[in-house]
Amino acid sequence: MLNWALLIVAIAFEVAGTTSMKLSRGFTRLLPTLLMFIFYGCGLTMMNLVIRRMDLSLVYAVWSGLGTAAIALIGILWFHEPATALRIVSIILIILGVVGLNLRP
């Protein structure tokens, strides 16, 4: 269970890093730029710890899928990007894909 908690925290750091990248406006704002590097460093460090204890394919699927879905939602909710039906369905499909990869036969 600790591994899953670390993975969720790693995803949160990655999402914070990507959000900071947007806020840095192409590295023209110092604080968001510094935060981006800090968040990505923390996220990758935690992901490295998780990969040592869990299957790489599972960890990366969850990391990339949930991170992508979270960033898409942040884009819609915070940055006022369009919430089209296609985007919403695509976010749902990403989450279903992550769930499907976690199912064991």
PDB file of N, CA and C in Angstrom:
ATOM      1  N   MET A   1       0.815  -1.194   0.000  1.00  0.00           N
ATOM      2  CA  MET A   1       0.000   0.000   0.000  1.00  0.00           C
ATOM      3  C   MET A   1       0.863   1.264   0.000  1.00  0.00           C
ATOM      4  N   LEU A   2       2.004   1.207   0.663  1.00  0.00           N
ATOM      5  CA  LEU A   2       2.919   2.348   0.694  1.00  0.00           C
ATOM      6  C   LEU A   2       3.393   2.692  -0.718  1.00  0.00           C
ATOM      7  N   ASN A   3       3.637   1.670  -1.533  1.00  0.00           N
ATOM      8  CA  ASN A   3       4.091   1.920  -2.903  1.00  0.00           C
ATOM      9  C   ASN A   3       3.054   2.717  -3.691  1.00  0.00           C
ATOM     10  N   TRP A   4       1.785   2.370  -3.525  1.00  0.00           N
ATOM     11  CA  TRP A   4       0.722   3.093  -4.219  1.00  0.00           C
ATOM     12  C   TRP A   4       0.641   4.530  -3.717  1.00  0.00           C
ATOM     13  N   ALA A   5       0.799   4.730  -2.439  1.00  0.00           N
ATOM     14  CA  ALA A   5       0.777   6.085  -1.873  1.00  0.00           C
ATOM     15  C   ALA A   5       1.933   6.910  -2.440  1.00  0.00           C
ATOM     16  N   LEU A   6       3.125   6.311  -2.506  1.00  0.00           N
ATOM     17  CA  LEU A   6       4.277   7.012  -3.081  1.00  0.00           C
ATOM     18  C   LEU A   6       4.046   7.336  -4.553  1.00  0.00           C
ATOM     19  N   LEU A   7       3.411   6.416  -5.272  1.00  0.00           N
ATOM     20  CA  LEU A   7       3.133   6.651  -6.684  1.00  0.00           C
ATOM     21  C   LEU A   7       2.156   7.814  -6.854  1.00  0.00           C
ATOM     22  N   ILE A   8       1.137   7.877  -6.023  1.00  0.00           N
ATOM     23  CA  ILE A   8       0.177   8.982  -6.089  1.00  0.00           C
ATOM     24  C   ILE A   8       0.871  10.313  -5.785  1.00  0.00           C
ATOM     25  N   VAL A   9       1.749  10.316  -4.797  1.00  0.00           N
ATOM     26  CA  VAL A   9       2.494  11.537  -4.469  1.00  0.00           C
ATOM     27  C   VAL A   9       3.421  11.908  -5.630  1.00  0.00           C
ATOM     28  N   ALA A  10       4.060  10.912  -6.244  1.00  0.00           N
ATOM     29  CA  ALA A  10       4.925  11.175  -7.398  1.00  0.00           C
ATOM     30  C   ALA A  10       4.131  11.796  -8.542  1.00  0.00           C
ATOM     31  N   ILE A  11       2.923  11.287  -8.768  1.00  0.00           N
ATOM     32  CA  ILE A  11       2.061  11.846  -9.817  1.00  0.00           C
ATOM     33  C   ILE A  11       1.692  13.289  -9.474  1.00  0.00           C
ATOM     34  N   ALA A  12       1.386  13.531  -8.210  1.00  0.00           N
ATOM     35  CA  ALA A  12       1.034  14.896  -7.783  1.00  0.00           C
ATOM     36  C   ALA A  12       2.200  15.852  -8.039  1.00  0.00           C
ATOM     37  N   PHE A  13       3.432  15.418  -7.758  1.00  0.00           N
ATOM     38  CA  PHE A  13       4.602  16.262  -8.025  1.00  0.00           C
ATOM     39  C   PHE A  13       4.766  16.504  -9.531  1.00  0.00           C
ATOM     40  N   GLU A  14       4.547  15.465 -10.324  1.00  0.00           N
ATOM     41  CA  GLU A  14       4.668  15.606 -11.777  1.00  0.00           C
ATOM     42  C   GLU A  14       3.621  16.576 -12.308  1.00  0.00           C
ATOM     43  N   VAL A  15       2.409  16.481 -11.817  1.00  0.00           N
ATOM     44  CA  VAL A  15       1.337  17.383 -12.233  1.00  0.00           C
ATOM     45  C   VAL A  15       1.663  18.815 -11.791  1.00  0.00           C
ATOM     46  N   ALA A  16       2.187  18.966 -10.582  1.00  0.00           N
ATOM     47  CA  ALA A  16       2.594  20.295 -10.106  1.00  0.00           C
ATOM     48  C   ALA A  16       3.722  20.856 -10.970  1.00  0.00           C
ATOM     49  N   GLY A  17       4.642  19.994 -11.389  1.00  0.00           N
ATOM     50  CA  GLY A  17       5.730  20.433 -12.261  1.00  0.00           C
ATOM     51  C   GLY A  17       5.232  20.892 -13.617  1.00  0.00           C
ATOM     52  N   THR A  18       4.293  20.156 -14.187  1.00  0.00           N
ATOM     53  CA  THR A  18       3.749  20.526 -15.486  1.00  0.00           C
ATOM     54  C   THR A  18       2.930  21.812 -15.385  1.00  0.00           C
ATOM     55  N   THR A  19       2.169  21.957 -14.297  1.00  0.00           N
ATOM     56  CA  THR A  19       1.418  23.186 -14.082  1.00  0.00           C
ATOM     57  C   THR A  19       2.369  24.369 -13.914  1.00  0.00           C
ATOM     58  N   SER A  20       3.449  24.147 -13.184  1.00  0.00           N
ATOM     59  CA  SER A  20       4.455  25.209 -13.013  1.00  0.00           C
ATOM     60  C   SER A  20       5.101  25.582 -14.340  1.00  0.00           C
ATOM     61  N   MET A  21       5.271  24.588 -15.209  1.00  0.00           N
ATOM     62  CA  MET A  21       5.836  24.869 -16.529  1.00  0.00           C
ATOM     63  C   MET A  21       4.936  25.843 -17.287  1.00  0.00           C
ATOM     64  N   LYS A  22       3.639  25.605 -17.233  1.00  0.00           N
ATOM     65  CA  LYS A  22       2.690  26.516 -17.889  1.00  0.00           C
ATOM     66  C   LYS A  22       2.778  27.911 -17.268  1.00  0.00           C
ATOM     67  N   LEU A  23       2.840  27.949 -15.939  1.00  0.00           N
ATOM     68  CA  LEU A  23       2.894  29.233 -15.238  1.00  0.00           C
ATOM     69  C   LEU A  23       4.220  29.975 -15.446  1.00  0.00           C
ATOM     70  N   SER A  24       5.268  29.242 -15.843  1.00  0.00           N
ATOM     71  CA  SER A  24       6.572  29.886 -16.050  1.00  0.00           C
ATOM     72  C   SER A  24       6.618  30.734 -17.316  1.00  0.00           C
ATOM     73  N   ARG A  25       5.624  30.539 -18.185  1.00  0.00           N
ATOM     74  CA  ARG A  25       5.543  31.290 -19.449  1.00  0.00           C
ATOM     75  C   ARG A  25       6.848  31.213 -20.238  1.00  0.00           C
ATOM     76  N   GLY A  26       7.259  29.982 -20.504  1.00  0.00           N
ATOM     77  CA  GLY A  26       8.479  29.781 -21.299  1.00  0.00           C
ATOM     78  C   GLY A  26       9.744  30.155 -20.562  1.00  0.00           C
ATOM     79  N   PHE A  27       9.797  29.867 -19.286  1.00  0.00           N
ATOM     80  CA  PHE A  27      10.943  30.142 -18.412  1.00  0.00           C
ATOM     81  C   PHE A  27      11.188  31.640 -18.215  1.00  0.00           C
ATOM     82  N   THR A  28      10.156  32.461 -18.388  1.00  0.00           N
ATOM     83  CA  THR A  28      10.334  33.906 -18.204  1.00  0.00           C
ATOM     84  C   THR A  28       9.960  34.354 -16.795  1.00  0.00           C
ATOM     85  N   ARG A  29       9.362  33.482 -16.003  1.00  0.00           N
ATOM     86  CA  ARG A  29       9.014  33.816 -14.619  1.00  0.00           C
ATOM     87  C   ARG A  29       9.827  32.902 -13.700  1.00  0.00           C
ATOM     88  N   LEU A  30      10.610  33.504 -12.822  1.00  0.00           N
ATOM     89  CA  LEU A  30      11.599  32.765 -12.030  1.00  0.00           C
ATOM     90  C   LEU A  30      10.973  31.748 -11.078  1.00  0.00           C
ATOM     91  N   LEU A  31      10.028  32.154 -10.248  1.00  0.00           N
ATOM     92  CA  LEU A  31       9.494  31.245  -9.236  1.00  0.00           C
ATOM     93  C   LEU A  31       8.830  30.007  -9.842  1.00  0.00           C
ATOM     94  N   PRO A  32       7.926  30.149 -10.811  1.00  0.00           N
ATOM     95  CA  PRO A  32       7.355  28.935 -11.398  1.00  0.00           C
ATOM     96  C   PRO A  32       8.407  28.058 -12.088  1.00  0.00           C
ATOM     97  N   THR A  33       9.429  28.681 -12.657  1.00  0.00           N
ATOM     98  CA  THR A  33      10.496  27.906 -13.295  1.00  0.00           C
ATOM     99  C   THR A  33      11.257  27.083 -12.263  1.00  0.00           C
ATOM    100  N   LEU A  34      11.627  27.706 -11.151  1.00  0.00           N
ATOM    101  CA  LEU A  34      12.320  26.973 -10.083  1.00  0.00           C
ATOM    102  C   LEU A  34      11.439  25.875  -9.508  1.00  0.00           C
ATOM    103  N   LEU A  35      10.161  26.196  -9.281  1.00  0.00           N
ATOM    104  CA  LEU A  35       9.237  25.190  -8.744  1.00  0.00           C
ATOM    105  C   LEU A  35       9.084  24.012  -9.704  1.00  0.00           C
ATOM    106  N   MET A  36       9.083  24.285 -10.997  1.00  0.00           N
ATOM    107  CA  MET A  36       8.974  23.219 -11.982  1.00  0.00           C
ATOM    108  C   MET A  36      10.107  22.213 -11.807  1.00  0.00           C
ATOM    109  N   PHE A  37      11.340  22.706 -11.708  1.00  0.00           N
ATOM    110  CA  PHE A  37      12.480  21.803 -11.548  1.00  0.00           C
ATOM    111  C   PHE A  37      12.421  21.053 -10.215  1.00  0.00           C
ATOM    112  N   ILE A  38      12.008  21.721  -9.169  1.00  0.00           N
ATOM    113  CA  ILE A  38      11.892  21.072  -7.856  1.00  0.00           C
ATOM    114  C   ILE A  38      10.822  19.986  -7.889  1.00  0.00           C
ATOM    115  N   PHE A  39       9.648  20.325  -8.426  1.00  0.00           N
ATOM    116  CA  PHE A  39       8.548  19.352  -8.476  1.00  0.00           C
ATOM    117  C   PHE A  39       8.908  18.150  -9.343  1.00  0.00           C
ATOM    118  N   TYR A  40       9.484  18.411 -10.515  1.00  0.00           N
ATOM    119  CA  TYR A  40       9.882  17.282 -11.371  1.00  0.00           C
ATOM    120  C   TYR A  40      10.961  16.428 -10.698  1.00  0.00           C
ATOM    121  N   GLY A  41      11.907  17.053 -10.037  1.00  0.00           N
ATOM    122  CA  GLY A  41      12.951  16.291  -9.338  1.00  0.00           C
ATOM    123  C   GLY A  41      12.368  15.407  -8.252  1.00  0.00           C
ATOM    124  N   CYS A  42      11.451  15.963  -7.463  1.00  0.00           N
ATOM    125  CA  CYS A  42      10.802  15.169  -6.415  1.00  0.00           C
ATOM    126  C   CYS A  42       9.959  14.045  -7.010  1.00  0.00           C
ATOM    127  N   GLY A  43       9.221  14.362  -8.060  1.00  0.00           N
ATOM    128  CA  GLY A  43       8.373  13.353  -8.691  1.00  0.00           C
ATOM    129  C   GLY A  43       9.168  12.201  -9.280  1.00  0.00           C
ATOM    130  N   LEU A  44      10.247  12.517  -9.983  1.00  0.00           N
ATOM    131  CA  LEU A  44      11.073  11.467 -10.577  1.00  0.00           C
ATOM    132  C   LEU A  44      11.796  10.649  -9.505  1.00  0.00           C
ATOM    133  N   THR A  45      12.202  11.300  -8.435  1.00  0.00           N
ATOM    134  CA  THR A  45      12.841  10.577  -7.335  1.00  0.00           C
ATOM    135  C   THR A  45      11.865   9.580  -6.720  1.00  0.00           C
ATOM    136  N   MET A  46      10.638  10.020  -6.458  1.00  0.00           N
ATOM    137  CA  MET A  46       9.649   9.114  -5.877  1.00  0.00           C
ATOM    138  C   MET A  46       9.285   7.995  -6.849  1.00  0.00           C
ATOM    139  N   MET A  47       9.164   8.339  -8.123  1.00  0.00           N
ATOM    140  CA  MET A  47       8.852   7.304  -9.109  1.00  0.00           C
ATOM    141  C   MET A  47       9.965   6.265  -9.159  1.00  0.00           C
ATOM    142  N   ASN A  48      11.200   6.702  -9.042  1.00  0.00           N
ATOM    143  CA  ASN A  48      12.334   5.779  -9.017  1.00  0.00           C
ATOM    144  C   ASN A  48      12.230   4.817  -7.836  1.00  0.00           C
ATOM    145  N   LEU A  49      11.814   5.319  -6.693  1.00  0.00           N
ATOM    146  CA  LEU A  49      11.638   4.449  -5.521  1.00  0.00           C
ATOM    147  C   LEU A  49      10.528   3.429  -5.748  1.00  0.00           C
ATOM    148  N   VAL A  50       9.461   3.863  -6.388  1.00  0.00           N
ATOM    149  CA  VAL A  50       8.326   2.973  -6.639  1.00  0.00           C
ATOM    150  C   VAL A  50       8.697   1.901  -7.657  1.00  0.00           C
ATOM    151  N   ILE A  51       9.424   2.280  -8.702  1.00  0.00           N
ATOM    152  CA  ILE A  51       9.796   1.326  -9.754  1.00  0.00           C
ATOM    153  C   ILE A  51      10.654   0.190  -9.195  1.00  0.00           C
ATOM    154  N   ARG A  52      11.373   0.449  -8.131  1.00  0.00           N
ATOM    155  CA  ARG A  52      12.195  -0.601  -7.524  1.00  0.00           C
ATOM    156  C   ARG A  52      11.341  -1.693  -6.902  1.00  0.00           C
ATOM    157  N   ARG A  53      10.078  -1.385  -6.590  1.00  0.00           N
ATOM    158  CA  ARG A  53       9.223  -2.331  -5.863  1.00  0.00           C
ATOM    159  C   ARG A  53       8.014  -2.819  -6.652  1.00  0.00           C
ATOM    160  N   MET A  54       7.734  -2.174  -7.779  1.00  0.00           N
ATOM    161  CA  MET A  54       6.560  -2.534  -8.578  1.00  0.00           C
ATOM    162  C   MET A  54       6.967  -2.717 -10.038  1.00  0.00           C
ATOM    163  N   ASP A  55       6.103  -3.367 -10.810  1.00  0.00           N
ATOM    164  CA  ASP A  55       6.375  -3.578 -12.229  1.00  0.00           C
ATOM    165  C   ASP A  55       6.459  -2.249 -12.968  1.00  0.00           C
ATOM    166  N   LEU A  56       7.471  -2.102 -13.796  1.00  0.00           N
ATOM    167  CA  LEU A  56       7.690  -0.875 -14.557  1.00  0.00           C
ATOM    168  C   LEU A  56       6.486  -0.533 -15.429  1.00  0.00           C
ATOM    169  N   SER A  57       5.948  -1.519 -16.140  1.00  0.00           N
ATOM    170  CA  SER A  57       4.832  -1.244 -17.048  1.00  0.00           C
ATOM    171  C   SER A  57       3.615  -0.729 -16.292  1.00  0.00           C
ATOM    172  N   LEU A  58       3.361  -1.270 -15.139  1.00  0.00           N
ATOM    173  CA  LEU A  58       2.228  -0.829 -14.323  1.00  0.00           C
ATOM    174  C   LEU A  58       2.458   0.590 -13.803  1.00  0.00           C
ATOM    175  N   VAL A  59       3.631   0.825 -13.249  1.00  0.00           N
ATOM    176  CA  VAL A  59       3.949   2.135 -12.687  1.00  0.00           C
ATOM    177  C   VAL A  59       3.875   3.210 -13.763  1.00  0.00           C
ATOM    178  N   TYR A  60       4.457   2.945 -14.922  1.00  0.00           N
ATOM    179  CA  TYR A  60       4.473   3.971 -15.959  1.00  0.00           C
ATOM    180  C   TYR A  60       3.081   4.215 -16.524  1.00  0.00           C
ATOM    181  N   ALA A  61       2.279   3.167 -16.652  1.00  0.00           N
ATOM    182  CA  ALA A  61       0.911   3.338 -17.147  1.00  0.00           C
ATOM    183  C   ALA A  61       0.104   4.218 -16.202  1.00  0.00           C
ATOM    184  N   VAL A  62       0.214   3.969 -14.915  1.00  0.00           N
ATOM    185  CA  VAL A  62      -0.520   4.760 -13.931  1.00  0.00           C
ATOM    186  C   VAL A  62       0.028   6.186 -13.905  1.00  0.00           C
ATOM    187  N   TRP A  63       1.345   6.312 -13.872  1.00  0.00           N
ATOM    188  CA  TRP A  63       2.015   7.627 -13.842  1.00  0.00           C
ATOM    189  C   TRP A  63       1.578   8.486 -15.023  1.00  0.00           C
ATOM    190  N   SER A  64       1.724   7.950 -16.215  1.00  0.00           N
ATOM    191  CA  SER A  64       1.430   8.757 -17.399  1.00  0.00           C
ATOM    192  C   SER A  64      -0.069   8.951 -17.597  1.00  0.00           C
ATOM    193  N   GLY A  65      -0.859   7.924 -17.357  1.00  0.00           N
ATOM    194  CA  GLY A  65      -2.301   8.023 -17.571  1.00  0.00           C
ATOM    195  C   GLY A  65      -2.975   8.978 -16.612  1.00  0.00           C
ATOM    196  N   LEU A  66      -2.744   8.786 -15.325  1.00  0.00           N
ATOM    197  CA  LEU A  66      -3.385   9.665 -14.342  1.00  0.00           C
ATOM    198  C   LEU A  66      -2.810  11.072 -14.395  1.00  0.00           C
ATOM    199  N   GLY A  67      -1.516  11.177 -14.675  1.00  0.00           N
ATOM    200  CA  GLY A  67      -0.910  12.500 -14.828  1.00  0.00           C
ATOM    201  C   GLY A  67      -1.513  13.249 -16.008  1.00  0.00           C
ATOM    202  N   THR A  68      -1.705  12.558 -17.131  1.00  0.00           N
ATOM    203  CA  THR A  68      -2.304  13.170 -18.308  1.00  0.00           C
ATOM    204  C   THR A  68      -3.742  13.592 -18.037  1.00  0.00           C
ATOM    205  N   ALA A  69      -4.514  12.717 -17.410  1.00  0.00           N
ATOM    206  CA  ALA A  69      -5.909  13.046 -17.089  1.00  0.00           C
ATOM    207  C   ALA A  69      -5.974  14.240 -16.133  1.00  0.00           C
ATOM    208  N   ALA A  70      -5.109  14.255 -15.132  1.00  0.00           N
ATOM    209  CA  ALA A  70      -5.110  15.362 -14.168  1.00  0.00           C
ATOM    210  C   ALA A  70      -4.751  16.683 -14.835  1.00  0.00           C
ATOM    211  N   ILE A  71      -3.741  16.664 -15.706  1.00  0.00           N
ATOM    212  CA  ILE A  71      -3.339  17.893 -16.396  1.00  0.00           C
ATOM    213  C   ILE A  71      -4.448  18.368 -17.338  1.00  0.00           C
ATOM    214  N   ALA A  72      -5.120  17.442 -17.998  1.00  0.00           N
ATOM    215  CA  ALA A  72      -6.236  17.834 -18.868  1.00  0.00           C
ATOM    216  C   ALA A  72      -7.338  18.509 -18.051  1.00  0.00           C
ATOM    217  N   LEU A  73      -7.642  17.953 -16.881  1.00  0.00           N
ATOM    218  CA  LEU A  73      -8.662  18.558 -16.016  1.00  0.00           C
ATOM    219  C   LEU A  73      -8.219  19.924 -15.487  1.00  0.00           C
ATOM    220  N   ILE A  74      -6.954  20.045 -15.120  1.00  0.00           N
ATOM    221  CA  ILE A  74      -6.434  21.336 -14.667  1.00  0.00           C
ATOM    222  C   ILE A  74      -6.514  22.365 -15.799  1.00  0.00           C
ATOM    223  N   GLY A  75      -6.193  21.931 -17.004  1.00  0.00           N
ATOM    224  CA  GLY A  75      -6.296  22.828 -18.152  1.00  0.00           C
ATOM    225  C   GLY A  75      -7.716  23.348 -18.335  1.00  0.00           C
ATOM    226  N   ILE A  76      -8.679  22.467 -18.162  1.00  0.00           N
ATOM    227  CA  ILE A  76     -10.075  22.857 -18.319  1.00  0.00           C
ATOM    228  C   ILE A  76     -10.531  23.741 -17.154  1.00  0.00           C
ATOM    229  N   LEU A  77     -10.238  23.314 -15.933  1.00  0.00           N
ATOM    230  CA  LEU A  77     -10.771  24.004 -14.757  1.00  0.00           C
ATOM    231  C   LEU A  77     -10.010  25.283 -14.394  1.00  0.00           C
ATOM    232  N   TRP A  78      -8.684  25.264 -14.535  1.00  0.00           N
ATOM    233  CA  TRP A  78      -7.883  26.390 -14.060  1.00  0.00           C
ATOM    234  C   TRP A  78      -7.495  27.346 -15.193  1.00  0.00           C
ATOM    235  N   PHE A  79      -7.109  26.757 -16.333  1.00  0.00           N
ATOM    236  CA  PHE A  79      -6.642  27.585 -17.434  1.00  0.00           C
ATOM    237  C   PHE A  79      -7.740  27.859 -18.472  1.00  0.00           C
ATOM    238  N   HIS A  80      -8.945  27.453 -18.170  1.00  0.00           N
ATOM    239  CA  HIS A  80     -10.125  27.736 -18.984  1.00  0.00           C
ATOM    240  C   HIS A  80      -9.998  27.244 -20.423  1.00  0.00           C
ATOM    241  N   GLU A  81      -9.381  26.072 -20.580  1.00  0.00           N
ATOM    242  CA  GLU A  81      -9.336  25.448 -21.901  1.00  0.00           C
ATOM    243  C   GLU A  81     -10.719  24.863 -22.195  1.00  0.00           C
ATOM    244  N   PRO A  82     -11.068  24.727 -23.461  1.00  0.00           N
ATOM    245  CA  PRO A  82     -12.413  24.250 -23.790  1.00  0.00           C
ATOM    246  C   PRO A  82     -12.674  22.832 -23.260  1.00  0.00           C
ATOM    247  N   ALA A  83     -13.849  22.651 -22.682  1.00  0.00           N
ATOM    248  CA  ALA A  83     -14.267  21.338 -22.171  1.00  0.00           C
ATOM    249  C   ALA A  83     -15.200  20.703 -23.191  1.00  0.00           C
ATOM    250  N   THR A  84     -14.636  20.294 -24.305  1.00  0.00           N
ATOM    251  CA  THR A  84     -15.454  19.698 -25.362  1.00  0.00           C
ATOM    252  C   THR A  84     -15.828  18.268 -24.988  1.00  0.00           C
ATOM    253  N   ALA A  85     -16.846  17.763 -25.639  1.00  0.00           N
ATOM    254  CA  ALA A  85     -17.270  16.382 -25.401  1.00  0.00           C
ATOM    255  C   ALA A  85     -16.123  15.416 -25.718  1.00  0.00           C
ATOM    256  N   LEU A  86     -15.382  15.697 -26.780  1.00  0.00           N
ATOM    257  CA  LEU A  86     -14.254  14.829 -27.151  1.00  0.00           C
ATOM    258  C   LEU A  86     -13.201  14.800 -26.055  1.00  0.00           C
ATOM    259  N   ARG A  87     -12.897  15.938 -25.458  1.00  0.00           N
ATOM    260  CA  ARG A  87     -11.910  15.978 -24.368  1.00  0.00           C
ATOM    261  C   ARG A  87     -12.386  15.179 -23.159  1.00  0.00           C
ATOM    262  N   ILE A  88     -13.638  15.356 -22.792  1.00  0.00           N
ATOM    263  CA  ILE A  88     -14.173  14.650 -21.631  1.00  0.00           C
ATOM    264  C   ILE A  88     -14.155  13.141 -21.869  1.00  0.00           C
ATOM    265  N   VAL A  89     -14.606  12.714 -23.045  1.00  0.00           N
ATOM    266  CA  VAL A  89     -14.587  11.279 -23.382  1.00  0.00           C
ATOM    267  C   VAL A  89     -13.151  10.765 -23.398  1.00  0.00           C
ATOM    268  N   SER A  90     -12.234  11.539 -23.922  1.00  0.00           N
ATOM    269  CA  SER A  90     -10.831  11.121 -23.976  1.00  0.00           C
ATOM    270  C   SER A  90     -10.235  10.956 -22.579  1.00  0.00           C
ATOM    271  N   ILE A  91     -10.554  11.864 -21.662  1.00  0.00           N
ATOM    272  CA  ILE A  91     -10.088  11.734 -20.275  1.00  0.00           C
ATOM    273  C   ILE A  91     -10.632  10.457 -19.648  1.00  0.00           C
ATOM    274  N   ILE A  92     -11.907  10.194 -19.884  1.00  0.00           N
ATOM    275  CA  ILE A  92     -12.521   8.965 -19.359  1.00  0.00           C
ATOM    276  C   ILE A  92     -11.829   7.738 -19.941  1.00  0.00           C
ATOM    277  N   LEU A  93     -11.526   7.758 -21.239  1.00  0.00           N
ATOM    278  CA  LEU A  93     -10.846   6.625 -21.871  1.00  0.00           C
ATOM    279  C   LEU A  93      -9.433   6.425 -21.318  1.00  0.00           C
ATOM    280  N   ILE A  94      -8.743   7.515 -21.020  1.00  0.00           N
ATOM    281  CA  ILE A  94      -7.406   7.398 -20.417  1.00  0.00           C
ATOM    282  C   ILE A  94      -7.517   6.685 -19.076  1.00  0.00           C
ATOM    283  N   ILE A  95      -8.461   7.107 -18.248  1.00  0.00           N
ATOM    284  CA  ILE A  95      -8.635   6.496 -16.932  1.00  0.00           C
ATOM    285  C   ILE A  95      -9.039   5.032 -17.073  1.00  0.00           C
ATOM    286  N   LEU A  96      -9.946   4.726 -18.002  1.00  0.00           N
ATOM    287  CA  LEU A  96     -10.334   3.331 -18.221  1.00  0.00           C
ATOM    288  C   LEU A  96      -9.142   2.500 -18.705  1.00  0.00           C
ATOM    289  N   GLY A  97      -8.284   3.095 -19.523  1.00  0.00           N
ATOM    290  CA  GLY A  97      -7.087   2.392 -19.976  1.00  0.00           C
ATOM    291  C   GLY A  97      -6.149   2.055 -18.838  1.00  0.00           C
ATOM    292  N   VAL A  98      -5.966   2.986 -17.911  1.00  0.00           N
ATOM    293  CA  VAL A  98      -5.113   2.736 -16.740  1.00  0.00           C
ATOM    294  C   VAL A  98      -5.722   1.622 -15.891  1.00  0.00           C
ATOM    295  N   VAL A  99      -7.028   1.677 -15.682  1.00  0.00           N
ATOM    296  CA  VAL A  99      -7.705   0.619 -14.915  1.00  0.00           C
ATOM    297  C   VAL A  99      -7.530  -0.715 -15.611  1.00  0.00           C
ATOM    298  N   GLY A 100      -7.727  -0.737 -16.934  1.00  0.00           N
ATOM    299  CA  GLY A 100      -7.575  -1.987 -17.694  1.00  0.00           C
ATOM    300  C   GLY A 100      -6.182  -2.576 -17.586  1.00  0.00           C
ATOM    301  N   LEU A 101      -5.165  -1.736 -17.594  1.00  0.00           N
ATOM    302  CA  LEU A 101      -3.796  -2.226 -17.461  1.00  0.00           C
ATOM    303  C   LEU A 101      -3.511  -2.767 -16.069  1.00  0.00           C
ATOM    304  N   ASN A 102      -4.296  -2.348 -15.089  1.00  0.00           N
ATOM    305  CA  ASN A 102      -4.114  -2.823 -13.723  1.00  0.00           C
ATOM    306  C   ASN A 102      -4.831  -4.139 -13.445  1.00  0.00           C
ATOM    307  N   LEU A 103      -5.740  -4.537 -14.334  1.00  0.00           N
ATOM    308  CA  LEU A 103      -6.466  -5.782 -14.122  1.00  0.00           C
ATOM    309  C   LEU A 103      -5.541  -6.971 -14.388  1.00  0.00           C
ATOM    310  N   ARG A 104      -5.607  -7.919 -13.522  1.00  0.00           N
ATOM    311  CA  ARG A 104      -4.785  -9.140 -13.681  1.00  0.00           C
ATOM    312  C   ARG A 104      -5.697 -10.286 -14.094  1.00  0.00           C
ATOM    313  N   PRO A 105      -5.286 -11.085 -15.082  1.00  0.00           N
ATOM    314  CA  PRO A 105      -6.105 -12.233 -15.500  1.00  0.00           C
ATOM    315  C   PRO A 105      -6.158 -13.321 -14.434  1.00  0.00           C
TER     316      PRO A 105
END
